[in-house]
Protein backbone atom coordinates (compact mmCIF):
# COMPACT_ATOMS: atom_id res chain seq x y z
CA MET A 1 19.81 -9.41 45.94
CA TYR A 2 21.76 -11.49 43.49
CA CYS A 3 21.69 -12.40 39.81
CA ASP A 4 20.77 -16.01 39.09
CA VAL A 5 18.95 -18.29 36.65
CA GLY A 6 15.18 -18.38 36.26
CA THR A 7 13.12 -20.97 34.40
CA LYS A 8 9.43 -21.14 33.55
CA LYS A 9 7.14 -22.69 30.97
CA ASN A 10 5.92 -20.35 28.26
CA SER A 11 2.38 -20.33 26.87
CA LYS A 12 3.23 -23.21 24.50
CA GLY A 13 4.57 -25.42 27.30
CA TYR A 14 8.27 -25.02 26.47
CA LYS A 15 10.81 -24.12 29.14
CA THR A 16 12.28 -20.63 28.94
CA THR A 17 15.47 -19.90 30.85
CA TRP A 18 17.15 -16.57 31.54
CA ARG A 19 19.84 -15.17 33.77
CA GLY A 20 19.26 -12.08 35.82
CA TYR A 21 16.30 -10.70 37.73
CA LYS A 22 12.51 -10.65 37.68
CA LEU A 23 10.18 -7.68 38.03
CA HIS A 24 6.88 -8.23 39.88
CA VAL A 25 4.20 -5.57 39.44
CA ASP A 26 0.73 -4.96 40.90
CA VAL A 27 -1.35 -3.20 38.26
CA SER A 28 -4.67 -1.34 38.55
CA ASP A 29 -7.65 -1.79 36.23
CA GLY A 30 -6.44 1.23 34.28
CA CYS A 31 -3.08 -0.49 33.58
CA LEU A 32 -1.27 1.76 36.06
CA PRO A 33 1.48 0.20 38.20
CA ILE A 34 0.80 0.45 41.95
CA SER A 35 3.60 -1.62 43.53
CA VAL A 36 6.80 -3.00 42.06
CA ALA A 37 9.38 -5.49 43.38
CA LEU A 38 12.63 -6.68 41.80
CA THR A 39 13.88 -10.13 42.78
CA ALA A 40 16.41 -12.70 41.66
CA ALA A 41 15.24 -14.63 38.59
CA SER A 42 14.74 -17.86 40.55
CA VAL A 43 12.21 -16.35 42.99
CA HIS A 44 8.76 -17.78 42.27
CA ASP A 45 6.00 -15.24 41.68
CA SER A 46 3.94 -16.63 44.58
CA GLN A 47 6.71 -15.76 47.05
CA VAL A 48 6.28 -12.06 46.26
CA ALA A 49 2.46 -12.06 46.12
CA ILE A 50 1.83 -11.48 49.82
CA PRO A 51 4.32 -8.59 50.26
CA LEU A 52 2.97 -6.94 47.09
CA MET A 53 -0.66 -7.34 48.25
CA LYS A 54 0.18 -5.73 51.60
CA THR A 55 2.11 -2.86 49.98
CA THR A 56 -0.63 -2.21 47.42
CA SER A 57 -3.32 -2.32 50.13
CA VAL A 58 -1.58 0.50 51.97
CA ARG A 59 -1.44 2.62 48.79
CA VAL A 60 -4.92 2.09 47.30
CA ASP A 61 -8.29 0.59 48.23
CA TYR A 62 -9.26 -2.30 46.00
CA LEU A 63 -11.61 -5.26 46.12
CA TYR A 64 -10.19 -8.16 44.11
CA ASP A 65 -6.89 -10.02 43.92
CA LEU A 66 -6.79 -11.51 40.40
CA MET A 67 -4.02 -14.07 39.91
CA ASP A 68 -3.16 -16.96 37.64
CA ALA A 69 -2.71 -20.59 38.71
CA ALA A 70 0.88 -20.02 39.88
CA PHE A 71 -0.60 -18.24 42.92
CA ASP A 72 -3.04 -21.01 43.92
CA ALA A 73 -1.86 -21.43 47.52
CA ARG A 74 -3.75 -21.33 50.82
CA PRO A 75 -1.60 -18.57 52.43
CA ILE A 76 -2.30 -16.23 49.50
CA TYR A 77 -6.06 -16.80 49.83
CA GLU A 78 -5.88 -16.23 53.58
CA VAL A 79 -3.89 -12.98 53.36
CA SER A 80 -6.13 -11.69 50.58
CA ARG A 81 -9.24 -12.29 52.68
CA SER A 82 -7.60 -10.83 55.81
CA LEU A 83 -7.00 -7.61 53.84
CA GLY A 84 -10.72 -7.49 52.97
CA HIS A 85 -10.24 -8.58 49.35
CA VAL A 86 -11.90 -11.26 47.28
CA PRO A 87 -9.23 -13.63 45.90
CA ILE A 88 -10.01 -14.80 42.37
CA ILE A 89 -7.20 -17.18 41.51
CA ASP A 90 -7.18 -19.66 38.65
CA ARG A 91 -6.94 -23.20 39.99
CA TYR A 92 -3.82 -25.35 39.59
CA SER A 93 -4.78 -28.96 38.91
CA ARG A 94 -2.03 -30.76 40.89
CA GLY A 95 -3.03 -33.92 39.02
CA LYS A 96 -6.68 -33.66 40.02
CA ASP A 97 -9.82 -32.39 38.33
CA ILE A 98 -9.92 -28.61 38.26
CA VAL A 99 -12.91 -26.93 39.83
CA PRO A 100 -13.78 -24.12 37.42
CA LEU A 101 -14.30 -20.56 38.60
CA ALA A 102 -17.90 -19.52 39.16
CA PRO A 103 -19.33 -17.54 36.20
CA HIS A 104 -19.15 -14.20 38.04
CA GLU A 105 -15.55 -14.97 39.09
CA ALA A 106 -14.62 -15.98 35.54
CA ALA A 107 -16.00 -12.70 34.22
CA ARG A 108 -13.94 -10.71 36.74
CA TYR A 109 -10.86 -12.92 36.12
CA ARG A 110 -10.82 -11.87 32.46
CA GLU A 111 -9.80 -8.41 33.68
CA ARG A 112 -6.41 -9.93 34.53
CA THR A 113 -5.37 -9.33 30.93
CA VAL A 114 -4.51 -5.80 32.11
CA ALA A 115 -1.50 -7.23 33.95
CA GLU A 116 -0.42 -9.21 30.88
CA ARG A 117 -0.81 -6.11 28.72
CA PHE A 118 1.30 -4.08 31.17
CA ASN A 119 4.10 -6.66 31.14
CA SER A 120 3.99 -6.89 27.34
CA ARG A 121 4.12 -3.12 26.89
CA LEU A 122 6.98 -2.84 29.40
CA LYS A 123 9.00 -5.45 27.50
CA GLU A 124 8.17 -4.37 23.96
CA GLY A 125 8.04 -0.60 24.19
CA PHE A 126 9.64 0.55 27.43
CA GLY A 127 13.01 -1.19 27.64
CA ALA A 128 12.40 -4.23 29.83
CA GLY A 129 12.83 -6.75 27.01
CA ASN A 130 16.55 -6.15 26.62
CA VAL A 131 18.34 -4.88 29.72
CA MET A 132 22.01 -4.28 28.97
CA VAL A 133 23.28 -3.24 32.41
CA ARG A 134 24.75 -5.32 35.23
CA GLY A 135 24.01 -5.28 38.93
CA ALA A 136 20.75 -5.10 40.83
CA ALA A 137 20.86 -1.33 41.38
CA LYS A 138 21.41 -0.56 37.68
CA VAL A 139 18.81 -3.11 36.56
CA ARG A 140 16.27 -1.69 39.04
CA LEU A 141 16.94 1.86 37.80
CA HIS A 142 16.65 0.81 34.15
CA LEU A 143 13.36 -1.00 34.76
CA MET A 144 11.90 1.76 36.94
CA PHE A 145 12.56 4.33 34.20
CA GLY A 146 10.50 2.07 31.94
CA VAL A 147 7.75 1.71 34.58
CA ILE A 148 7.61 5.50 35.06
CA ALA A 149 7.48 6.13 31.31
CA LEU A 150 4.75 3.51 30.86
CA PHE A 151 2.83 5.02 33.80
CA ALA A 152 2.97 8.47 32.20
CA ASP A 153 1.96 7.11 28.80
CA GLN A 154 -0.97 5.17 30.24
CA LEU A 155 -2.07 8.11 32.37
CA LEU A 156 -2.14 10.33 29.27
CA LYS A 157 -4.27 7.71 27.49
CA LEU A 158 -6.73 7.61 30.37
CA VAL A 159 -6.98 11.40 30.68
CA GLY A 160 -7.01 12.20 26.94
């Protein structure tokens, strides 16, 4: 794995650019991380979706794959269904009219905020917002310490 430049649009539509790596995480309803993958910053999230779905499916039984519009691709739907899951993926317009999610799908899709909350907590409170080490191995170790600490913190919240 190598360090490179990643770019994406933020929630306000402005481009954000960074140099380094990207952490991809599958999160349970209880905000517990199940599978984690570290990639170069330029790797699109959808390229890691299928390997993460397969890894997570081996570790836990679950019913739904909830993903945002970046994952709206036929192969992701197909793999999700082949694993016995129901894919609920926000639609990407591609210059056409967007077909909205069915009401029951939209209600389930709102649960995706758990993943956003996990990422926010990891960045703000568990060291992923400012990684000051170089090299994939050191970055992975730094981020995994944060993931483990967040897992423990969330587990204590769920139990207590």
